[in-house]
């Protein structure tokens, strides 16, 4: 019975990691697109915000993995 719960816990962790990456990158693309439209630039802010989104995604995933390892 404990093995089933461990499988679901691992599945939830993998799903959470995937969602964090996707949401942080999509949100950064959205913000970069808005700023590019306001300042009429050619995707400069979108690229900058994509990099920020990827970095923040890695940091968030690292924190989640470290918390799950401690448990």
PDB file of N, CA and C in Angstrom:
ATOM      1  N   UNK A   1       0.808  -1.189   0.000  1.00  0.00           N
ATOM      2  CA  UNK A   1       0.000   0.000   0.000  1.00  0.00           C
ATOM      3  C   UNK A   1       0.861   1.267   0.000  1.00  0.00           C
ATOM      4  N   UNK A   2       1.964   1.228   0.691  1.00  0.00           N
ATOM      5  CA  UNK A   2       2.864   2.370   0.757  1.00  0.00           C
ATOM      6  C   UNK A   2       3.506   2.644  -0.601  1.00  0.00           C
ATOM      7  N   UNK A   3       3.727   1.587  -1.383  1.00  0.00           N
ATOM      8  CA  UNK A   3       4.347   1.733  -2.692  1.00  0.00           C
ATOM      9  C   UNK A   3       3.455   2.541  -3.638  1.00  0.00           C
ATOM     10  N   UNK A   4       2.129   2.341  -3.553  1.00  0.00           N
ATOM     11  CA  UNK A   4       1.202   3.098  -4.402  1.00  0.00           C
ATOM     12  C   UNK A   4       1.255   4.586  -4.071  1.00  0.00           C
ATOM     13  N   UNK A   5       1.311   4.903  -2.789  1.00  0.00           N
ATOM     14  CA  UNK A   5       1.377   6.301  -2.396  1.00  0.00           C
ATOM     15  C   UNK A   5       2.684   6.944  -2.845  1.00  0.00           C
ATOM     16  N   UNK A   6       3.766   6.190  -2.809  1.00  0.00           N
ATOM     17  CA  UNK A   6       5.056   6.722  -3.248  1.00  0.00           C
ATOM     18  C   UNK A   6       5.040   7.001  -4.750  1.00  0.00           C
ATOM     19  N   UNK A   7       4.379   6.147  -5.516  1.00  0.00           N
ATOM     20  CA  UNK A   7       4.270   6.378  -6.966  1.00  0.00           C
ATOM     21  C   UNK A   7       3.488   7.656  -7.237  1.00  0.00           C
ATOM     22  N   UNK A   8       2.389   7.861  -6.506  1.00  0.00           N
ATOM     23  CA  UNK A   8       1.594   9.070  -6.696  1.00  0.00           C
ATOM     24  C   UNK A   8       2.338  10.318  -6.239  1.00  0.00           C
ATOM     25  N   UNK A   9       3.122  10.212  -5.190  1.00  0.00           N
ATOM     26  CA  UNK A   9       3.916  11.351  -4.737  1.00  0.00           C
ATOM     27  C   UNK A   9       4.960  11.732  -5.783  1.00  0.00           C
ATOM     28  N   UNK A  10       5.605  10.723  -6.370  1.00  0.00           N
ATOM     29  CA  UNK A  10       6.599  11.001  -7.411  1.00  0.00           C
ATOM     30  C   UNK A  10       5.950  11.570  -8.660  1.00  0.00           C
ATOM     31  N   UNK A  11       4.784  11.058  -9.016  1.00  0.00           N
ATOM     32  CA  UNK A  11       4.059  11.577 -10.174  1.00  0.00           C
ATOM     33  C   UNK A  11       3.643  13.028  -9.953  1.00  0.00           C
ATOM     34  N   UNK A  12       3.214  13.346  -8.748  1.00  0.00           N
ATOM     35  CA  UNK A  12       2.845  14.724  -8.421  1.00  0.00           C
ATOM     36  C   UNK A  12       4.058  15.645  -8.485  1.00  0.00           C
ATOM     37  N   UNK A  13       5.198  15.163  -8.036  1.00  0.00           N
ATOM     38  CA  UNK A  13       6.423  15.966  -8.079  1.00  0.00           C
ATOM     39  C   UNK A  13       6.838  16.251  -9.525  1.00  0.00           C
ATOM     40  N   UNK A  14       6.787  15.245 -10.381  1.00  0.00           N
ATOM     41  CA  UNK A  14       7.155  15.432 -11.788  1.00  0.00           C
ATOM     42  C   UNK A  14       6.183  16.387 -12.468  1.00  0.00           C
ATOM     43  N   UNK A  15       4.897  16.260 -12.160  1.00  0.00           N
ATOM     44  CA  UNK A  15       3.901  17.157 -12.739  1.00  0.00           C
ATOM     45  C   UNK A  15       4.126  18.590 -12.278  1.00  0.00           C
ATOM     46  N   UNK A  16       4.433  18.761 -11.010  1.00  0.00           N
ATOM     47  CA  UNK A  16       4.689  20.090 -10.475  1.00  0.00           C
ATOM     48  C   UNK A  16       5.911  20.723 -11.135  1.00  0.00           C
ATOM     49  N   UNK A  17       6.945  19.948 -11.336  1.00  0.00           N
ATOM     50  CA  UNK A  17       8.154  20.462 -11.989  1.00  0.00           C
ATOM     51  C   UNK A  17       7.846  20.906 -13.414  1.00  0.00           C
ATOM     52  N   UNK A  18       7.108  20.090 -14.143  1.00  0.00           N
ATOM     53  CA  UNK A  18       6.761  20.449 -15.517  1.00  0.00           C
ATOM     54  C   UNK A  18       5.908  21.699 -15.588  1.00  0.00           C
ATOM     55  N   UNK A  19       4.933  21.798 -14.701  1.00  0.00           N
ATOM     56  CA  UNK A  19       4.062  22.974 -14.704  1.00  0.00           C
ATOM     57  C   UNK A  19       4.812  24.243 -14.328  1.00  0.00           C
ATOM     58  N   UNK A  20       5.737  24.136 -13.406  1.00  0.00           N
ATOM     59  CA  UNK A  20       6.515  25.319 -13.020  1.00  0.00           C
ATOM     60  C   UNK A  20       7.318  25.838 -14.196  1.00  0.00           C
ATOM     61  N   UNK A  21       7.970  24.932 -14.936  1.00  0.00           N
ATOM     62  CA  UNK A  21       8.726  25.370 -16.112  1.00  0.00           C
ATOM     63  C   UNK A  21       7.822  26.017 -17.146  1.00  0.00           C
ATOM     64  N   UNK A  22       6.726  25.364 -17.475  1.00  0.00           N
ATOM     65  CA  UNK A  22       5.848  25.859 -18.527  1.00  0.00           C
ATOM     66  C   UNK A  22       5.225  27.197 -18.137  1.00  0.00           C
ATOM     67  N   UNK A  23       4.713  27.305 -16.926  1.00  0.00           N
ATOM     68  CA  UNK A  23       4.048  28.540 -16.504  1.00  0.00           C
ATOM     69  C   UNK A  23       5.027  29.696 -16.414  1.00  0.00           C
ATOM     70  N   UNK A  24       6.220  29.460 -15.878  1.00  0.00           N
ATOM     71  CA  UNK A  24       7.182  30.559 -15.760  1.00  0.00           C
ATOM     72  C   UNK A  24       7.648  31.045 -17.130  1.00  0.00           C
ATOM     73  N   UNK A  25       7.842  30.148 -18.063  1.00  0.00           N
ATOM     74  CA  UNK A  25       8.282  30.552 -19.397  1.00  0.00           C
ATOM     75  C   UNK A  25       7.148  31.234 -20.163  1.00  0.00           C
ATOM     76  N   UNK A  26       5.932  30.693 -20.095  1.00  0.00           N
ATOM     77  CA  UNK A  26       4.809  31.319 -20.803  1.00  0.00           C
ATOM     78  C   UNK A  26       4.479  32.690 -20.228  1.00  0.00           C
ATOM     79  N   UNK A  27       4.538  32.822 -18.908  1.00  0.00           N
ATOM     80  CA  UNK A  27       4.278  34.124 -18.294  1.00  0.00           C
ATOM     81  C   UNK A  27       5.343  35.142 -18.693  1.00  0.00           C
ATOM     82  N   UNK A  28       6.594  34.708 -18.769  1.00  0.00           N
ATOM     83  CA  UNK A  28       7.657  35.633 -19.168  1.00  0.00           C
ATOM     84  C   UNK A  28       7.524  36.020 -20.642  1.00  0.00           C
ATOM     85  N   UNK A  29       7.093  35.088 -21.484  1.00  0.00           N
ATOM     86  CA  UNK A  29       6.848  35.427 -22.893  1.00  0.00           C
ATOM     87  C   UNK A  29       5.727  36.456 -22.994  1.00  0.00           C
ATOM     88  N   UNK A  30       4.680  36.266 -22.202  1.00  0.00           N
ATOM     89  CA  UNK A  30       3.552  37.194 -22.207  1.00  0.00           C
ATOM     90  C   UNK A  30       3.999  38.596 -21.783  1.00  0.00           C
ATOM     91  N   UNK A  31       4.751  38.681 -20.681  1.00  0.00           N
ATOM     92  CA  UNK A  31       5.230  39.986 -20.223  1.00  0.00           C
ATOM     93  C   UNK A  31       6.183  40.634 -21.230  1.00  0.00           C
ATOM     94  N   UNK A  32       7.077  39.842 -21.794  1.00  0.00           N
ATOM     95  CA  UNK A  32       7.997  40.377 -22.789  1.00  0.00           C
ATOM     96  C   UNK A  32       7.280  40.877 -24.022  1.00  0.00           C
ATOM     97  N   UNK A  33       6.229  40.176 -24.415  1.00  0.00           N
ATOM     98  CA  UNK A  33       5.445  40.589 -25.575  1.00  0.00           C
ATOM     99  C   UNK A  33       4.729  41.913 -25.308  1.00  0.00           C
ATOM    100  N   UNK A  34       4.179  42.057 -24.107  1.00  0.00           N
ATOM    101  CA  UNK A  34       3.494  43.309 -23.759  1.00  0.00           C
ATOM    102  C   UNK A  34       4.474  44.477 -23.752  1.00  0.00           C
ATOM    103  N   UNK A  35       5.633  44.280 -23.147  1.00  0.00           N
ATOM    104  CA  UNK A  35       6.620  45.362 -23.091  1.00  0.00           C
ATOM    105  C   UNK A  35       7.144  45.695 -24.484  1.00  0.00           C
ATOM    106  N   UNK A  36       7.331  44.680 -25.328  1.00  0.00           N
ATOM    107  CA  UNK A  36       7.753  44.946 -26.708  1.00  0.00           C
ATOM    108  C   UNK A  36       6.698  45.746 -27.465  1.00  0.00           C
ATOM    109  N   UNK A  37       5.428  45.479 -27.221  1.00  0.00           N
ATOM    110  CA  UNK A  37       4.374  46.240 -27.888  1.00  0.00           C
ATOM    111  C   UNK A  37       4.323  47.678 -27.393  1.00  0.00           C
ATOM    112  N   UNK A  38       4.543  47.878 -26.103  1.00  0.00           N
ATOM    113  CA  UNK A  38       4.485  49.230 -25.545  1.00  0.00           C
ATOM    114  C   UNK A  38       5.637  50.075 -26.070  1.00  0.00           C
ATOM    115  N   UNK A  39       6.841  49.542 -26.079  1.00  0.00           N
ATOM    116  CA  UNK A  39       8.013  50.301 -26.490  1.00  0.00           C
ATOM    117  C   UNK A  39       8.358  50.137 -27.970  1.00  0.00           C
ATOM    118  N   UNK A  40       7.585  49.325 -28.680  1.00  0.00           N
ATOM    119  CA  UNK A  40       7.754  49.116 -30.123  1.00  0.00           C
ATOM    120  C   UNK A  40       9.172  48.636 -30.468  1.00  0.00           C
ATOM    121  N   UNK A  41       9.624  47.622 -29.744  1.00  0.00           N
ATOM    122  CA  UNK A  41      10.935  47.020 -30.008  1.00  0.00           C
ATOM    123  C   UNK A  41      10.741  45.677 -30.707  1.00  0.00           C
ATOM    124  N   UNK A  42      11.796  45.168 -31.256  1.00  0.00           N
ATOM    125  CA  UNK A  42      11.727  43.931 -32.033  1.00  0.00           C
ATOM    126  C   UNK A  42      12.125  42.726 -31.188  1.00  0.00           C
ATOM    127  N   UNK A  43      11.243  42.267 -30.322  1.00  0.00           N
ATOM    128  CA  UNK A  43      11.409  41.048 -29.529  1.00  0.00           C
ATOM    129  C   UNK A  43      12.618  41.058 -28.594  1.00  0.00           C
ATOM    130  N   UNK A  44      13.162  42.210 -28.298  1.00  0.00           N
ATOM    131  CA  UNK A  44      14.309  42.271 -27.392  1.00  0.00           C
ATOM    132  C   UNK A  44      13.880  41.895 -25.980  1.00  0.00           C
ATOM    133  N   UNK A  45      12.778  42.497 -25.525  1.00  0.00           N
ATOM    134  CA  UNK A  45      12.313  42.209 -24.167  1.00  0.00           C
ATOM    135  C   UNK A  45      11.764  40.802 -24.047  1.00  0.00           C
ATOM    136  N   UNK A  46      11.208  40.292 -25.123  1.00  0.00           N
ATOM    137  CA  UNK A  46      10.705  38.915 -25.081  1.00  0.00           C
ATOM    138  C   UNK A  46      11.854  37.940 -24.842  1.00  0.00           C
ATOM    139  N   UNK A  47      12.962  38.143 -25.515  1.00  0.00           N
ATOM    140  CA  UNK A  47      14.128  37.273 -25.336  1.00  0.00           C
ATOM    141  C   UNK A  47      14.689  37.408 -23.922  1.00  0.00           C
ATOM    142  N   UNK A  48      14.760  38.645 -23.432  1.00  0.00           N
ATOM    143  CA  UNK A  48      15.273  38.868 -22.084  1.00  0.00           C
ATOM    144  C   UNK A  48      14.371  38.188 -21.057  1.00  0.00           C
ATOM    145  N   UNK A  49      13.058  38.336 -21.223  1.00  0.00           N
ATOM    146  CA  UNK A  49      12.140  37.744 -20.266  1.00  0.00           C
ATOM    147  C   UNK A  49      12.070  36.224 -20.386  1.00  0.00           C
ATOM    148  N   UNK A  50      12.303  35.680 -21.557  1.00  0.00           N
ATOM    149  CA  UNK A  50      12.381  34.219 -21.682  1.00  0.00           C
ATOM    150  C   UNK A  50      13.560  33.696 -20.874  1.00  0.00           C
ATOM    151  N   UNK A  51      14.696  34.361 -20.968  1.00  0.00           N
ATOM    152  CA  UNK A  51      15.860  33.949 -20.178  1.00  0.00           C
ATOM    153  C   UNK A  51      15.579  34.063 -18.681  1.00  0.00           C
ATOM    154  N   UNK A  52      14.905  35.137 -18.290  1.00  0.00           N
ATOM    155  CA  UNK A  52      14.544  35.295 -16.880  1.00  0.00           C
ATOM    156  C   UNK A  52      13.582  34.194 -16.449  1.00  0.00           C
ATOM    157  N   UNK A  53      12.626  33.845 -17.312  1.00  0.00           N
ATOM    158  CA  UNK A  53      11.679  32.783 -16.996  1.00  0.00           C
ATOM    159  C   UNK A  53      12.341  31.427 -16.853  1.00  0.00           C
ATOM    160  N   UNK A  54      13.294  31.130 -17.722  1.00  0.00           N
ATOM    161  CA  UNK A  54      14.011  29.853 -17.634  1.00  0.00           C
ATOM    162  C   UNK A  54      14.840  29.800 -16.357  1.00  0.00           C
ATOM    163  N   UNK A  55      15.518  30.889 -16.044  1.00  0.00           N
ATOM    164  CA  UNK A  55      16.330  30.918 -14.833  1.00  0.00           C
ATOM    165  C   UNK A  55      15.455  30.785 -13.587  1.00  0.00           C
ATOM    166  N   UNK A  56      14.339  31.507 -13.562  1.00  0.00           N
ATOM    167  CA  UNK A  56      13.462  31.402 -12.392  1.00  0.00           C
ATOM    168  C   UNK A  56      12.827  30.016 -12.296  1.00  0.00           C
ATOM    169  N   UNK A  57      12.559  29.391 -13.436  1.00  0.00           N
ATOM    170  CA  UNK A  57      12.048  28.027 -13.427  1.00  0.00           C
ATOM    171  C   UNK A  57      13.054  27.053 -12.841  1.00  0.00           C
ATOM    172  N   UNK A  58      14.318  27.185 -13.231  1.00  0.00           N
ATOM    173  CA  UNK A  58      15.361  26.323 -12.678  1.00  0.00           C
ATOM    174  C   UNK A  58      15.511  26.528 -11.172  1.00  0.00           C
ATOM    175  N   UNK A  59      15.465  27.773 -10.729  1.00  0.00           N
ATOM    176  CA  UNK A  59      15.605  28.041  -9.295  1.00  0.00           C
ATOM    177  C   UNK A  59      14.439  27.443  -8.524  1.00  0.00           C
ATOM    178  N   UNK A  60      13.228  27.607  -9.037  1.00  0.00           N
ATOM    179  CA  UNK A  60      12.051  27.060  -8.358  1.00  0.00           C
ATOM    180  C   UNK A  60      12.089  25.536  -8.313  1.00  0.00           C
ATOM    181  N   UNK A  61      12.487  24.918  -9.413  1.00  0.00           N
ATOM    182  CA  UNK A  61      12.579  23.459  -9.453  1.00  0.00           C
ATOM    183  C   UNK A  61      13.661  22.965  -8.509  1.00  0.00           C
ATOM    184  N   UNK A  62      14.759  23.664  -8.440  1.00  0.00           N
ATOM    185  CA  UNK A  62      15.835  23.288  -7.521  1.00  0.00           C
ATOM    186  C   UNK A  62      15.343  23.314  -6.074  1.00  0.00           C
ATOM    187  N   UNK A  63      14.598  24.370  -5.719  1.00  0.00           N
ATOM    188  CA  UNK A  63      14.081  24.466  -4.358  1.00  0.00           C
ATOM    189  C   UNK A  63      13.099  23.339  -4.054  1.00  0.00           C
ATOM    190  N   UNK A  64      12.245  23.009  -5.001  1.00  0.00           N
ATOM    191  CA  UNK A  64      11.267  21.940  -4.790  1.00  0.00           C
ATOM    192  C   UNK A  64      11.964  20.592  -4.648  1.00  0.00           C
ATOM    193  N   UNK A  65      12.965  20.350  -5.469  1.00  0.00           N
ATOM    194  CA  UNK A  65      13.685  19.075  -5.401  1.00  0.00           C
ATOM    195  C   UNK A  65      14.451  18.967  -4.081  1.00  0.00           C
ATOM    196  N   UNK A  66      15.048  20.056  -3.642  1.00  0.00           N
ATOM    197  CA  UNK A  66      15.768  20.018  -2.366  1.00  0.00           C
ATOM    198  C   UNK A  66      14.807  19.755  -1.204  1.00  0.00           C
ATOM    199  N   UNK A  67      13.606  20.325  -1.246  1.00  0.00           N
ATOM    200  CA  UNK A  67      12.632  20.069  -0.183  1.00  0.00           C
ATOM    201  C   UNK A  67      12.179  18.618  -0.202  1.00  0.00           C
ATOM    202  N   UNK A  68      12.012  18.043  -1.396  1.00  0.00           N
ATOM    203  CA  UNK A  68      11.563  16.646  -1.470  1.00  0.00           C
ATOM    204  C   UNK A  68      12.674  15.678  -1.055  1.00  0.00           C
ATOM    205  N   UNK A  69      13.926  16.057  -1.272  1.00  0.00           N
ATOM    206  CA  UNK A  69      15.031  15.195  -0.845  1.00  0.00           C
ATOM    207  C   UNK A  69      15.140  15.196   0.676  1.00  0.00           C
ATOM    208  N   UNK A  70      14.886  16.350   1.313  1.00  0.00           N
ATOM    209  CA  UNK A  70      14.976  16.437   2.763  1.00  0.00           C
ATOM    210  C   UNK A  70      13.931  15.571   3.450  1.00  0.00           C
ATOM    211  N   UNK A  71      12.778  15.407   2.823  1.00  0.00           N
ATOM    212  CA  UNK A  71      11.721  14.591   3.424  1.00  0.00           C
ATOM    213  C   UNK A  71      12.090  13.157   3.281  1.00  0.00           C
TER     214      UNK A  71
END
